């Protein structure tokens, strides 16, 4: 029962993570293609990474705002927070890339492949907790009907589950503090 509740609470975060990861895959493809292209033109690897990161960030903000976090917050403050998180992510990316390439002697492209997933997890957490903190998580059910044909796509994690718990307690005959069914 507890595991079910934990899974239910984690579900919106899991959906957000999957959406964030999907956006991240498109950004990674964009970023790596641009990075490889810039390297082939002779661009210094840190400059190539910075340019690729900034371009992918533009794509990331648009897709994550609309699809992942479904934000309807004020764009001005939100975009500033997004770019602060992105700048932190860029600093982390460049720092890790520098250490791997210049100190661990990992080839620059392979190092970037190692750095991207780590930075993605960190920036997801920052964006979820700060940038889009006022946004609603995606609904548990999206455009689905229940068995009676009623649209239940509006149901999400904020649905009050107390009436269901009361009914479960009544059905199982659980006594409350007053000697009867605990309501």
C-alpha atoms as a PDB file:
ATOM      1  CA  UNK A   1       0.000   0.000   0.000  1.00  0.00           C
ATOM      2  CA  UNK A   2       2.793   2.431   0.921  1.00  0.00           C
ATOM      3  CA  UNK A   3       4.734   1.487  -2.201  1.00  0.00           C
ATOM      4  CA  UNK A   4       1.640   2.279  -4.282  1.00  0.00           C
ATOM      5  CA  UNK A   5       1.314   5.726  -2.692  1.00  0.00           C
ATOM      6  CA  UNK A   6       4.992   6.469  -3.247  1.00  0.00           C
ATOM      7  CA  UNK A   7       4.704   5.339  -6.876  1.00  0.00           C
ATOM      8  CA  UNK A   8       1.576   7.473  -7.366  1.00  0.00           C
ATOM      9  CA  UNK A   9       3.329  10.543  -5.951  1.00  0.00           C
ATOM     10  CA  UNK A  10       6.419   9.871  -8.054  1.00  0.00           C
ATOM     11  CA  UNK A  11       4.383   9.398 -11.232  1.00  0.00           C
ATOM     12  CA  UNK A  12       4.116  13.122 -12.173  1.00  0.00           C
ATOM     13  CA  UNK A  13       7.841  13.567 -11.597  1.00  0.00           C
ATOM     14  CA  UNK A  14       8.517  10.471 -13.687  1.00  0.00           C
ATOM     15  CA  UNK A  15       6.382  11.816 -16.527  1.00  0.00           C
ATOM     16  CA  UNK A  16       8.187  15.138 -16.295  1.00  0.00           C
ATOM     17  CA  UNK A  17      11.548  13.376 -16.310  1.00  0.00           C
ATOM     18  CA  UNK A  18      10.583  11.359 -19.415  1.00  0.00           C
ATOM     19  CA  UNK A  19       9.462  14.519 -21.191  1.00  0.00           C
ATOM     20  CA  UNK A  20      12.589  16.371 -20.054  1.00  0.00           C
ATOM     21  CA  UNK A  21      14.704  13.449 -21.267  1.00  0.00           C
ATOM     22  CA  UNK A  22      12.925  13.459 -24.638  1.00  0.00           C
ATOM     23  CA  UNK A  23      13.608  17.165 -25.016  1.00  0.00           C
ATOM     24  CA  UNK A  24      17.138  16.434 -23.846  1.00  0.00           C
ATOM     25  CA  UNK A  25      17.641  13.832 -26.565  1.00  0.00           C
ATOM     26  CA  UNK A  26      16.649  16.358 -29.227  1.00  0.00           C
ATOM     27  CA  UNK A  27      18.940  18.924 -27.591  1.00  0.00           C
ATOM     28  CA  UNK A  28      21.761  16.402 -27.346  1.00  0.00           C
ATOM     29  CA  UNK A  29      21.492  15.558 -31.033  1.00  0.00           C
ATOM     30  CA  UNK A  30      21.423  19.246 -31.884  1.00  0.00           C
ATOM     31  CA  UNK A  31      24.274  20.032 -29.506  1.00  0.00           C
ATOM     32  CA  UNK A  32      26.511  17.150 -30.612  1.00  0.00           C
ATOM     33  CA  UNK A  33      25.916  17.840 -34.305  1.00  0.00           C
ATOM     34  CA  UNK A  34      26.791  21.493 -33.839  1.00  0.00           C
ATOM     35  CA  UNK A  35      29.754  20.615 -31.594  1.00  0.00           C
ATOM     36  CA  UNK A  36      31.116  18.124 -34.159  1.00  0.00           C
ATOM     37  CA  UNK A  37      30.594  20.614 -36.970  1.00  0.00           C
ATOM     38  CA  UNK A  38      32.423  23.355 -35.098  1.00  0.00           C
ATOM     39  CA  UNK A  39      35.278  20.983 -34.195  1.00  0.00           C
ATOM     40  CA  UNK A  40      35.611  20.007 -37.857  1.00  0.00           C
ATOM     41  CA  UNK A  41      35.950  23.716 -38.700  1.00  0.00           C
ATOM     42  CA  UNK A  42      38.859  23.948 -36.242  1.00  0.00           C
ATOM     43  CA  UNK A  43      36.994  25.664 -33.413  1.00  0.00           C
ATOM     44  CA  UNK A  44      38.602  25.291 -29.975  1.00  0.00           C
ATOM     45  CA  UNK A  45      36.697  22.540 -28.129  1.00  0.00           C
ATOM     46  CA  UNK A  46      35.561  24.733 -25.201  1.00  0.00           C
ATOM     47  CA  UNK A  47      34.244  27.432 -27.550  1.00  0.00           C
ATOM     48  CA  UNK A  48      32.506  24.776 -29.656  1.00  0.00           C
ATOM     49  CA  UNK A  49      30.885  23.336 -26.549  1.00  0.00           C
ATOM     50  CA  UNK A  50      29.731  26.757 -25.350  1.00  0.00           C
ATOM     51  CA  UNK A  51      28.132  27.630 -28.704  1.00  0.00           C
ATOM     52  CA  UNK A  52      26.446  24.228 -28.955  1.00  0.00           C
ATOM     53  CA  UNK A  53      25.176  24.533 -25.377  1.00  0.00           C
ATOM     54  CA  UNK A  54      23.671  28.003 -25.966  1.00  0.00           C
ATOM     55  CA  UNK A  55      21.884  26.973 -29.185  1.00  0.00           C
ATOM     56  CA  UNK A  56      20.494  23.817 -27.574  1.00  0.00           C
ATOM     57  CA  UNK A  57      19.358  25.909 -24.588  1.00  0.00           C
ATOM     58  CA  UNK A  58      17.146  28.048 -26.814  1.00  0.00           C
ATOM     59  CA  UNK A  59      15.451  24.899 -28.069  1.00  0.00           C
ATOM     60  CA  UNK A  60      15.283  23.485 -24.549  1.00  0.00           C
ATOM     61  CA  UNK A  61      13.520  26.473 -23.015  1.00  0.00           C
ATOM     62  CA  UNK A  62      10.795  26.527 -25.653  1.00  0.00           C
ATOM     63  CA  UNK A  63      10.075  22.795 -25.493  1.00  0.00           C
ATOM     64  CA  UNK A  64      10.388  22.391 -21.714  1.00  0.00           C
ATOM     65  CA  UNK A  65       8.241  25.421 -20.950  1.00  0.00           C
ATOM     66  CA  UNK A  66       5.441  24.262 -23.211  1.00  0.00           C
ATOM     67  CA  UNK A  67       5.563  20.467 -22.968  1.00  0.00           C
ATOM     68  CA  UNK A  68       7.583  19.211 -19.986  1.00  0.00           C
ATOM     69  CA  UNK A  69       6.509  21.648 -17.281  1.00  0.00           C
ATOM     70  CA  UNK A  70       3.396  23.082 -18.985  1.00  0.00           C
ATOM     71  CA  UNK A  71       4.179  26.440 -17.540  1.00  0.00           C
ATOM     72  CA  UNK A  72       1.885  29.410 -17.728  1.00  0.00           C
ATOM     73  CA  UNK A  73       4.097  31.514 -15.472  1.00  0.00           C
ATOM     74  CA  UNK A  74       5.369  34.946 -16.358  1.00  0.00           C
ATOM     75  CA  UNK A  75       7.903  34.496 -19.130  1.00  0.00           C
ATOM     76  CA  UNK A  76      10.213  37.323 -18.107  1.00  0.00           C
ATOM     77  CA  UNK A  77      11.212  36.026 -14.661  1.00  0.00           C
ATOM     78  CA  UNK A  78      10.951  32.441 -15.849  1.00  0.00           C
ATOM     79  CA  UNK A  79      13.316  32.897 -18.783  1.00  0.00           C
ATOM     80  CA  UNK A  80      15.804  34.681 -16.522  1.00  0.00           C
ATOM     81  CA  UNK A  81      15.717  31.747 -14.086  1.00  0.00           C
ATOM     82  CA  UNK A  82      16.030  29.303 -16.991  1.00  0.00           C
ATOM     83  CA  UNK A  83      19.136  31.054 -18.276  1.00  0.00           C
ATOM     84  CA  UNK A  84      20.641  31.214 -14.777  1.00  0.00           C
ATOM     85  CA  UNK A  85      20.159  27.438 -14.533  1.00  0.00           C
ATOM     86  CA  UNK A  86      21.538  27.044 -18.054  1.00  0.00           C
ATOM     87  CA  UNK A  87      24.563  29.181 -17.191  1.00  0.00           C
ATOM     88  CA  UNK A  88      25.163  26.987 -14.138  1.00  0.00           C
ATOM     89  CA  UNK A  89      24.794  23.936 -16.370  1.00  0.00           C
ATOM     90  CA  UNK A  90      27.190  25.435 -18.906  1.00  0.00           C
ATOM     91  CA  UNK A  91      29.755  26.156 -16.177  1.00  0.00           C
ATOM     92  CA  UNK A  92      29.403  22.596 -14.897  1.00  0.00           C
ATOM     93  CA  UNK A  93      29.645  21.236 -18.457  1.00  0.00           C
ATOM     94  CA  UNK A  94      32.764  23.251 -19.285  1.00  0.00           C
ATOM     95  CA  UNK A  95      34.427  22.487 -15.947  1.00  0.00           C
ATOM     96  CA  UNK A  96      33.885  18.752 -16.253  1.00  0.00           C
ATOM     97  CA  UNK A  97      34.870  18.798 -19.912  1.00  0.00           C
ATOM     98  CA  UNK A  98      38.095  20.653 -19.082  1.00  0.00           C
ATOM     99  CA  UNK A  99      39.008  18.183 -16.336  1.00  0.00           C
ATOM    100  CA  UNK A 100      38.285  15.156 -18.523  1.00  0.00           C
ATOM    101  CA  UNK A 101      40.109  16.463 -21.609  1.00  0.00           C
ATOM    102  CA  UNK A 102      43.058  18.348 -20.130  1.00  0.00           C
ATOM    103  CA  UNK A 103      43.730  16.287 -17.011  1.00  0.00           C
ATOM    104  CA  UNK A 104      42.299  12.816 -17.637  1.00  0.00           C
ATOM    105  CA  UNK A 105      43.284  12.897 -21.341  1.00  0.00           C
ATOM    106  CA  UNK A 106      39.860  11.711 -22.502  1.00  0.00           C
ATOM    107  CA  UNK A 107      39.198  12.610 -26.165  1.00  0.00           C
ATOM    108  CA  UNK A 108      37.008  15.732 -26.311  1.00  0.00           C
ATOM    109  CA  UNK A 109      34.027  14.109 -28.069  1.00  0.00           C
ATOM    110  CA  UNK A 110      33.999  11.124 -25.696  1.00  0.00           C
ATOM    111  CA  UNK A 111      34.299  13.493 -22.739  1.00  0.00           C
ATOM    112  CA  UNK A 112      31.277  15.450 -23.961  1.00  0.00           C
ATOM    113  CA  UNK A 113      29.296  12.195 -24.165  1.00  0.00           C
ATOM    114  CA  UNK A 114      30.112  11.562 -20.495  1.00  0.00           C
ATOM    115  CA  UNK A 115      29.368  15.106 -19.336  1.00  0.00           C
ATOM    116  CA  UNK A 116      25.980  15.627 -21.027  1.00  0.00           C
ATOM    117  CA  UNK A 117      23.930  13.051 -19.030  1.00  0.00           C
ATOM    118  CA  UNK A 118      25.296  14.245 -15.689  1.00  0.00           C
ATOM    119  CA  UNK A 119      24.623  17.908 -16.464  1.00  0.00           C
ATOM    120  CA  UNK A 120      21.136  16.967 -17.711  1.00  0.00           C
ATOM    121  CA  UNK A 121      20.159  15.420 -14.375  1.00  0.00           C
ATOM    122  CA  UNK A 122      21.436  18.444 -12.472  1.00  0.00           C
ATOM    123  CA  UNK A 123      19.653  20.965 -14.700  1.00  0.00           C
ATOM    124  CA  UNK A 124      16.383  18.970 -14.559  1.00  0.00           C
ATOM    125  CA  UNK A 125      16.420  19.202 -10.777  1.00  0.00           C
ATOM    126  CA  UNK A 126      17.237  22.910 -10.827  1.00  0.00           C
ATOM    127  CA  UNK A 127      14.562  23.668 -13.441  1.00  0.00           C
ATOM    128  CA  UNK A 128      11.899  21.639 -11.656  1.00  0.00           C
ATOM    129  CA  UNK A 129      12.638  23.144  -8.237  1.00  0.00           C
ATOM    130  CA  UNK A 130      13.219  26.749  -9.275  1.00  0.00           C
ATOM    131  CA  UNK A 131      12.662  27.775 -12.898  1.00  0.00           C
ATOM    132  CA  UNK A 132       9.269  26.146 -13.370  1.00  0.00           C
ATOM    133  CA  UNK A 133       8.376  25.709  -9.684  1.00  0.00           C
ATOM    134  CA  UNK A 134       4.942  27.283 -10.182  1.00  0.00           C
ATOM    135  CA  UNK A 135       4.083  25.024 -13.129  1.00  0.00           C
ATOM    136  CA  UNK A 136       1.768  22.057 -12.686  1.00  0.00           C
ATOM    137  CA  UNK A 137       3.109  18.559 -13.194  1.00  0.00           C
ATOM    138  CA  UNK A 138       1.598  16.761 -16.173  1.00  0.00           C
ATOM    139  CA  UNK A 139      -1.677  14.971 -15.459  1.00  0.00           C
ATOM    140  CA  UNK A 140      -1.693  11.328 -14.462  1.00  0.00           C
ATOM    141  CA  UNK A 141      -4.176  10.594 -17.216  1.00  0.00           C
ATOM    142  CA  UNK A 142      -4.072  12.495 -20.429  1.00  0.00           C
ATOM    143  CA  UNK A 143      -7.089  12.548 -22.779  1.00  0.00           C
ATOM    144  CA  UNK A 144      -8.514   9.272 -21.539  1.00  0.00           C
ATOM    145  CA  UNK A 145     -12.025   8.193 -20.704  1.00  0.00           C
ATOM    146  CA  UNK A 146     -13.018   6.024 -17.787  1.00  0.00           C
ATOM    147  CA  UNK A 147     -15.011   2.827 -18.236  1.00  0.00           C
ATOM    148  CA  UNK A 148     -18.279   4.824 -18.392  1.00  0.00           C
ATOM    149  CA  UNK A 149     -16.989   7.054 -21.182  1.00  0.00           C
ATOM    150  CA  UNK A 150     -16.448  10.109 -18.967  1.00  0.00           C
ATOM    151  CA  UNK A 151     -13.491  12.326 -19.758  1.00  0.00           C
ATOM    152  CA  UNK A 152     -11.027  12.027 -16.888  1.00  0.00           C
ATOM    153  CA  UNK A 153      -8.113  13.775 -18.600  1.00  0.00           C
ATOM    154  CA  UNK A 154      -8.418  16.601 -16.066  1.00  0.00           C
ATOM    155  CA  UNK A 155      -7.421  14.345 -13.161  1.00  0.00           C
ATOM    156  CA  UNK A 156      -3.956  14.936 -11.857  1.00  0.00           C
ATOM    157  CA  UNK A 157      -1.861  14.455  -8.730  1.00  0.00           C
ATOM    158  CA  UNK A 158      -3.753  17.197  -6.865  1.00  0.00           C
ATOM    159  CA  UNK A 159      -7.002  15.228  -6.731  1.00  0.00           C
ATOM    160  CA  UNK A 160      -8.132  14.860  -3.138  1.00  0.00           C
ATOM    161  CA  UNK A 161      -7.863  11.170  -2.361  1.00  0.00           C
ATOM    162  CA  UNK A 162      -9.439  11.364   1.113  1.00  0.00           C
ATOM    163  CA  UNK A 163     -12.942  10.218   0.035  1.00  0.00           C
ATOM    164  CA  UNK A 164     -11.463   7.095  -1.531  1.00  0.00           C
ATOM    165  CA  UNK A 165      -9.476   6.367   1.635  1.00  0.00           C
ATOM    166  CA  UNK A 166     -12.642   6.734   3.730  1.00  0.00           C
ATOM    167  CA  UNK A 167     -14.477   4.304   1.471  1.00  0.00           C
ATOM    168  CA  UNK A 168     -11.591   1.862   1.680  1.00  0.00           C
ATOM    169  CA  UNK A 169     -11.679   2.038   5.472  1.00  0.00           C
ATOM    170  CA  UNK A 170     -15.460   1.510   5.527  1.00  0.00           C
ATOM    171  CA  UNK A 171     -15.163  -1.444   3.157  1.00  0.00           C
ATOM    172  CA  UNK A 172     -12.502  -3.040   5.359  1.00  0.00           C
ATOM    173  CA  UNK A 173     -14.361  -2.283   8.592  1.00  0.00           C
ATOM    174  CA  UNK A 174     -11.559  -0.287  10.137  1.00  0.00           C
ATOM    175  CA  UNK A 175     -12.690   1.240  13.428  1.00  0.00           C
ATOM    176  CA  UNK A 176     -11.764   4.805  14.269  1.00  0.00           C
ATOM    177  CA  UNK A 177     -11.050   6.419  17.611  1.00  0.00           C
ATOM    178  CA  UNK A 178     -14.782   6.778  18.339  1.00  0.00           C
ATOM    179  CA  UNK A 179     -15.435   3.037  18.240  1.00  0.00           C
ATOM    180  CA  UNK A 180     -17.147   3.176  14.868  1.00  0.00           C
ATOM    181  CA  UNK A 181     -15.928   3.546  11.348  1.00  0.00           C
ATOM    182  CA  UNK A 182     -13.228   6.218  11.256  1.00  0.00           C
ATOM    183  CA  UNK A 183     -14.509   9.047   9.113  1.00  0.00           C
END
